[in-house]
C-alpha cells in the first residue's frame, strides 16, 4: 500500500510517497519508512550545508539522489527558485524520486535523470544490492560496494554512465553552484571525471560522502585542494578506516 506522508524538516513541509508494505532483505525495516522517520536527523551536516551555502537562483547537482530527500529540502528552502538536477540510476528509486517531485509540485525546479555519474561516459551495468525502494549500497560496473565488499545483487540493469566533465561540458547542462555526491563506493571515480568541473569558479561547494578505505579519502581531499577547494569541516573529520563521513569542500 502506498501513502503520502508529510514530513516537517527544519520548518519545511515535504511530502513523501511511501510504500508501507515492503520490508528490507533482512526483514528489519522498510527503507522508505526508515528514511521518512529519520529525515531531520539522519544527516544533519547535509541540512546544515544547504542552510549555510545555498541561495535562490543556485544550481545543485544531487548525484545518488535516492528518493530525493535532500534535493526536495533544498528546493523548498529556496522557494522553488533554483535549478536542481538529480541523478539516480537505480530503477525503483528513480521512479519514486519522480513521484516525490510531483507530490511537492517542484517540477519547475527539479529534474530527475536516470543515469549514473562516473569517471567516464558509456553504457554499463548497475547492480542493486536490495531491489527495494529507498535502498542503497548499490554498485556500478561490478557488484562491489563500499570497502571493496562484494555482494550478490538482487537486480542487474543497464545504465548510461556520464562523467561530471561531460555533463557540464559536452552535454551543456546548467553548471552547478553546488554538488552533492552520495554513491556508496565510486566517489574517487566521480572525482577523477571532474577535473575541469572542480576548477571552474562557478562551483562554490561540494559535499561528498566518503567511506574511509585505503587512501581514497586522502586522494579525494588532495584532488579538491589542487582545484582550489578547501575542506571546511576538517575539525570533525575522522579518517579511521571503515568510517563513513561527509566531507564538505568550499571555494573561498
Protein backbone atom coordinates (compact mmCIF):
# COMPACT_ATOMS: atom_id res chain seq x y z
CA UNK A 1 0.00 0.00 0.00
CA UNK A 2 1.21 3.49 -0.85
CA UNK A 3 0.64 6.51 1.38
CA UNK A 4 1.62 10.17 1.28
CA UNK A 5 3.43 11.24 4.44
CA UNK A 6 4.02 14.84 5.43
CA UNK A 7 7.46 15.40 6.99
CA UNK A 8 8.49 18.58 8.80
CA UNK A 9 12.21 19.22 8.36
CA UNK A 10 13.53 22.44 9.92
CA UNK A 11 10.21 24.20 9.34
CA UNK A 12 9.92 22.92 5.76
CA UNK A 13 6.96 20.68 4.95
CA UNK A 14 7.88 17.95 2.50
CA UNK A 15 5.64 15.20 1.14
CA UNK A 16 6.97 11.69 0.55
CA UNK A 17 5.26 8.86 -1.30
CA UNK A 18 5.85 5.72 0.79
CA UNK A 19 5.18 2.03 0.18
CA UNK A 20 4.20 0.74 3.60
CA UNK A 21 4.08 -3.00 2.91
CA UNK A 22 7.66 -3.68 1.77
CA UNK A 23 10.42 -4.94 4.03
CA UNK A 24 14.18 -4.88 3.68
CA UNK A 25 16.04 -8.05 2.80
CA UNK A 26 16.71 -8.70 6.50
CA UNK A 27 13.07 -8.16 7.47
CA UNK A 28 14.01 -5.49 10.00
CA UNK A 29 12.92 -2.25 8.38
CA UNK A 30 11.13 -0.70 5.46
CA UNK A 31 13.73 1.54 3.82
CA UNK A 32 11.29 4.29 2.85
CA UNK A 33 9.61 4.46 6.26
CA UNK A 34 13.02 4.50 7.89
CA UNK A 35 14.15 7.39 5.70
CA UNK A 36 10.99 9.35 6.46
CA UNK A 37 11.31 8.71 10.19
CA UNK A 38 14.95 9.84 10.24
CA UNK A 39 14.58 12.69 7.75
CA UNK A 40 15.53 15.57 10.04
CA UNK A 41 18.41 13.87 11.88
CA UNK A 42 19.97 11.18 9.64
CA UNK A 43 22.39 13.65 8.03
CA UNK A 44 22.27 16.98 9.90
CA UNK A 45 25.52 18.09 8.26
CA UNK A 46 23.87 17.86 4.84
CA UNK A 47 20.97 20.00 6.01
CA UNK A 48 23.44 22.43 7.62
CA UNK A 49 25.36 22.63 4.32
CA UNK A 50 22.19 23.55 2.43
CA UNK A 51 21.16 26.10 5.05
CA UNK A 52 24.58 27.76 5.15
CA UNK A 53 25.57 27.91 1.50
CA UNK A 54 22.53 27.83 -0.80
CA UNK A 55 20.86 30.92 -2.26
CA UNK A 56 17.91 31.43 -4.57
CA UNK A 57 18.98 31.05 -8.18
CA UNK A 58 21.66 28.46 -7.40
CA UNK A 59 22.08 25.18 -9.28
CA UNK A 60 22.53 21.87 -7.43
CA UNK A 61 23.66 18.51 -8.80
CA UNK A 62 22.47 15.73 -6.46
CA UNK A 63 24.41 12.63 -7.51
CA UNK A 64 22.96 9.49 -5.94
CA UNK A 65 19.72 11.25 -5.04
CA UNK A 66 17.86 8.08 -3.97
CA UNK A 67 14.22 9.15 -3.40
CA UNK A 68 15.17 12.83 -3.37
CA UNK A 69 15.02 13.87 0.26
CA UNK A 70 17.84 16.43 0.30
CA UNK A 71 17.05 17.89 -3.11
CA UNK A 72 13.44 18.33 -2.03
CA UNK A 73 14.62 20.11 1.12
CA UNK A 74 16.89 22.40 -0.90
CA UNK A 75 14.11 23.23 -3.35
CA UNK A 76 11.73 24.05 -0.51
CA UNK A 77 14.32 26.25 1.24
CA UNK A 78 14.88 28.17 -1.99
CA UNK A 79 11.14 28.60 -2.61
CA UNK A 80 11.45 26.65 -5.85
CA UNK A 81 13.77 29.33 -7.25
CA UNK A 82 16.64 27.03 -8.19
CA UNK A 83 17.79 24.52 -10.77
CA UNK A 84 18.16 21.15 -9.10
CA UNK A 85 19.38 18.27 -11.22
CA UNK A 86 19.04 14.89 -9.53
CA UNK A 87 20.91 11.82 -10.79
CA UNK A 88 19.64 8.42 -9.66
CA UNK A 89 20.43 5.27 -11.69
CA UNK A 90 18.54 2.68 -9.60
CA UNK A 91 15.20 1.98 -11.28
CA UNK A 92 12.90 1.83 -8.24
CA UNK A 93 14.46 4.86 -6.57
CA UNK A 94 14.28 6.85 -9.81
CA UNK A 95 10.56 6.15 -10.08
CA UNK A 96 9.92 7.23 -6.50
CA UNK A 97 12.13 10.30 -6.92
CA UNK A 98 9.90 11.48 -9.75
CA UNK A 99 6.79 10.77 -7.72
CA UNK A 100 8.11 12.90 -4.85
CA UNK A 101 8.92 15.77 -7.21
CA UNK A 102 5.33 15.72 -8.48
CA UNK A 103 3.84 15.42 -4.98
CA UNK A 104 5.67 18.55 -3.87
CA UNK A 105 4.84 20.47 -7.06
CA UNK A 106 8.53 21.12 -7.73
CA UNK A 107 8.66 20.13 -11.38
CA UNK A 108 9.79 23.60 -12.42
CA UNK A 109 12.78 23.49 -10.06
CA UNK A 110 13.80 19.81 -10.12
CA UNK A 111 14.68 17.45 -12.96
CA UNK A 112 15.48 13.76 -12.44
CA UNK A 113 17.95 11.95 -14.70
CA UNK A 114 18.15 8.10 -14.78
CA UNK A 115 21.91 8.00 -15.21
CA UNK A 116 24.98 7.16 -13.15
CA UNK A 117 27.89 9.57 -12.76
CA UNK A 118 31.39 8.11 -13.00
CA UNK A 119 34.88 8.80 -14.38
CA UNK A 120 33.96 8.08 -17.99
CA UNK A 121 30.97 8.18 -20.31
CA UNK A 122 29.47 4.96 -21.66
CA UNK A 123 26.99 2.13 -21.17
CA UNK A 124 27.42 -0.15 -18.16
CA UNK A 125 25.57 -2.42 -15.73
CA UNK A 126 24.16 -1.26 -12.43
CA UNK A 127 23.68 -3.73 -9.55
CA UNK A 128 21.02 -3.37 -6.86
CA UNK A 129 22.13 -4.78 -3.53
CA UNK A 130 18.49 -4.84 -2.41
CA UNK A 131 15.77 -4.38 -5.02
CA UNK A 132 13.62 -2.23 -2.76
CA UNK A 133 12.65 1.41 -3.00
CA UNK A 134 14.81 3.58 -0.77
CA UNK A 135 17.60 1.01 -0.51
CA UNK A 136 21.25 1.97 -1.00
CA UNK A 137 24.75 0.43 -1.21
CA UNK A 138 24.30 -0.42 -4.89
CA UNK A 139 27.15 -0.55 -7.42
CA UNK A 140 28.16 0.49 -10.92
CA UNK A 141 30.16 -1.82 -13.18
CA UNK A 142 30.59 -4.70 -10.73
CA UNK A 143 28.74 -5.93 -7.65
CA UNK A 144 31.13 -4.42 -5.12
CA UNK A 145 30.16 -1.70 -2.66
CA UNK A 146 31.94 0.40 -0.01
CA UNK A 147 35.26 -1.01 1.14
CA UNK A 148 35.51 -3.34 -1.87
CA UNK A 149 32.86 -5.62 -0.36
CA UNK A 150 31.32 -7.99 -2.91
CA UNK A 151 27.59 -8.74 -2.74
CA UNK A 152 25.00 -10.89 -4.51
CA UNK A 153 22.78 -8.42 -6.41
CA UNK A 154 19.02 -8.76 -6.40
CA UNK A 155 18.80 -6.99 -9.75
CA UNK A 156 21.05 -6.06 -12.66
CA UNK A 157 20.03 -3.30 -15.04
CA UNK A 158 21.59 -1.46 -17.96
CA UNK A 159 22.55 2.15 -17.37
CA UNK A 160 24.20 5.12 -19.01
CA UNK A 161 27.16 6.47 -17.05
CA UNK A 162 28.43 10.02 -17.64
CA UNK A 163 31.38 11.94 -16.21
CA UNK A 164 30.85 15.26 -14.48
CA UNK A 165 33.05 16.98 -17.05
CA UNK A 166 30.82 15.66 -19.84
CA UNK A 167 27.66 16.71 -18.00
CA UNK A 168 28.91 20.27 -17.64
CA UNK A 169 30.76 20.45 -20.96
CA UNK A 170 29.69 18.04 -23.67
CA UNK A 171 26.01 17.92 -22.72
CA UNK A 172 25.82 21.58 -21.77
CA UNK A 173 23.66 21.18 -18.67
CA UNK A 174 23.31 24.15 -16.30
CA UNK A 175 26.59 24.49 -14.44
CA UNK A 176 26.38 23.56 -10.73
CA UNK A 177 26.87 26.03 -7.92
CA UNK A 178 26.84 23.07 -5.53
CA UNK A 179 27.36 19.32 -5.94
CA UNK A 180 26.34 16.54 -3.56
CA UNK A 181 27.70 13.01 -4.03
CA UNK A 182 26.38 10.00 -2.10
CA UNK A 183 27.07 6.88 -4.14
CA UNK A 184 28.41 4.25 -1.74
CA UNK A 185 31.64 3.24 -3.39
CA UNK A 186 32.82 5.07 -6.54
CA UNK A 187 33.44 8.52 -5.10
CA UNK A 188 37.04 8.52 -6.32
CA UNK A 189 35.95 7.72 -9.88
CA UNK A 190 33.46 10.58 -9.87
CA UNK A 191 36.14 13.00 -8.68
CA UNK A 192 38.53 11.65 -11.33
CA UNK A 193 35.99 12.53 -14.03
CA UNK A 194 35.50 16.07 -12.71
CA UNK A 195 38.90 17.68 -13.37
CA UNK A 196 37.53 20.70 -15.24
CA UNK A 197 34.34 20.98 -13.21
CA UNK A 198 36.23 21.21 -9.92
CA UNK A 199 38.40 24.04 -11.24
CA UNK A 200 35.56 26.19 -12.54
CA UNK A 201 35.00 29.20 -10.23
CA UNK A 202 31.23 28.88 -10.65
CA UNK A 203 31.38 25.77 -8.44
CA UNK A 204 31.20 27.07 -4.87
CA UNK A 205 30.74 23.99 -2.66
CA UNK A 206 30.94 20.20 -2.91
CA UNK A 207 29.65 17.69 -0.36
CA UNK A 208 30.86 14.12 -0.83
CA UNK A 209 30.16 11.13 1.40
CA UNK A 210 33.33 9.04 1.69
CA UNK A 211 33.94 5.56 3.08
CA UNK A 212 37.38 5.72 4.70
CA UNK A 213 39.14 2.86 2.90
CA UNK A 214 42.80 2.77 1.95
CA UNK A 215 43.99 6.10 0.58
CA UNK A 216 40.72 7.02 -1.12
CA UNK A 217 39.74 9.80 1.29
CA UNK A 218 43.20 11.36 1.25
CA UNK A 219 43.35 11.19 -2.56
CA UNK A 220 39.94 12.83 -2.82
CA UNK A 221 40.99 15.59 -0.44
CA UNK A 222 44.16 16.20 -2.47
CA UNK A 223 42.16 16.46 -5.72
CA UNK A 224 39.92 19.13 -4.21
CA UNK A 225 42.82 21.07 -2.74
CA UNK A 226 44.58 21.12 -6.11
CA UNK A 227 41.36 22.53 -7.60
CA UNK A 228 41.25 25.38 -5.08
CA UNK A 229 38.60 23.93 -2.76
CA UNK A 230 39.15 23.76 0.99
CA UNK A 231 37.85 21.12 3.41
CA UNK A 232 35.55 23.19 5.62
CA UNK A 233 34.70 20.53 8.21
CA UNK A 234 38.27 19.29 8.80
CA UNK A 235 37.93 19.72 12.57
CA UNK A 236 35.30 16.96 12.73
CA UNK A 237 36.60 14.63 10.00
CA UNK A 238 37.51 11.11 11.09
CA UNK A 239 39.79 9.24 8.66
CA UNK A 240 39.64 5.99 10.66
CA UNK A 241 39.22 3.02 8.25
CA UNK A 242 35.59 1.94 7.97
CA UNK A 243 34.14 5.30 8.99
CA UNK A 244 31.61 6.88 6.61
CA UNK A 245 31.55 10.66 6.67
CA UNK A 246 30.56 13.68 4.63
CA UNK A 247 33.46 15.86 3.50
CA UNK A 248 32.43 19.42 2.63
CA UNK A 249 34.68 21.46 0.34
CA UNK A 250 34.26 25.20 -0.19
CA UNK A 251 35.82 27.66 -2.62
CA UNK A 252 36.98 30.59 -0.53
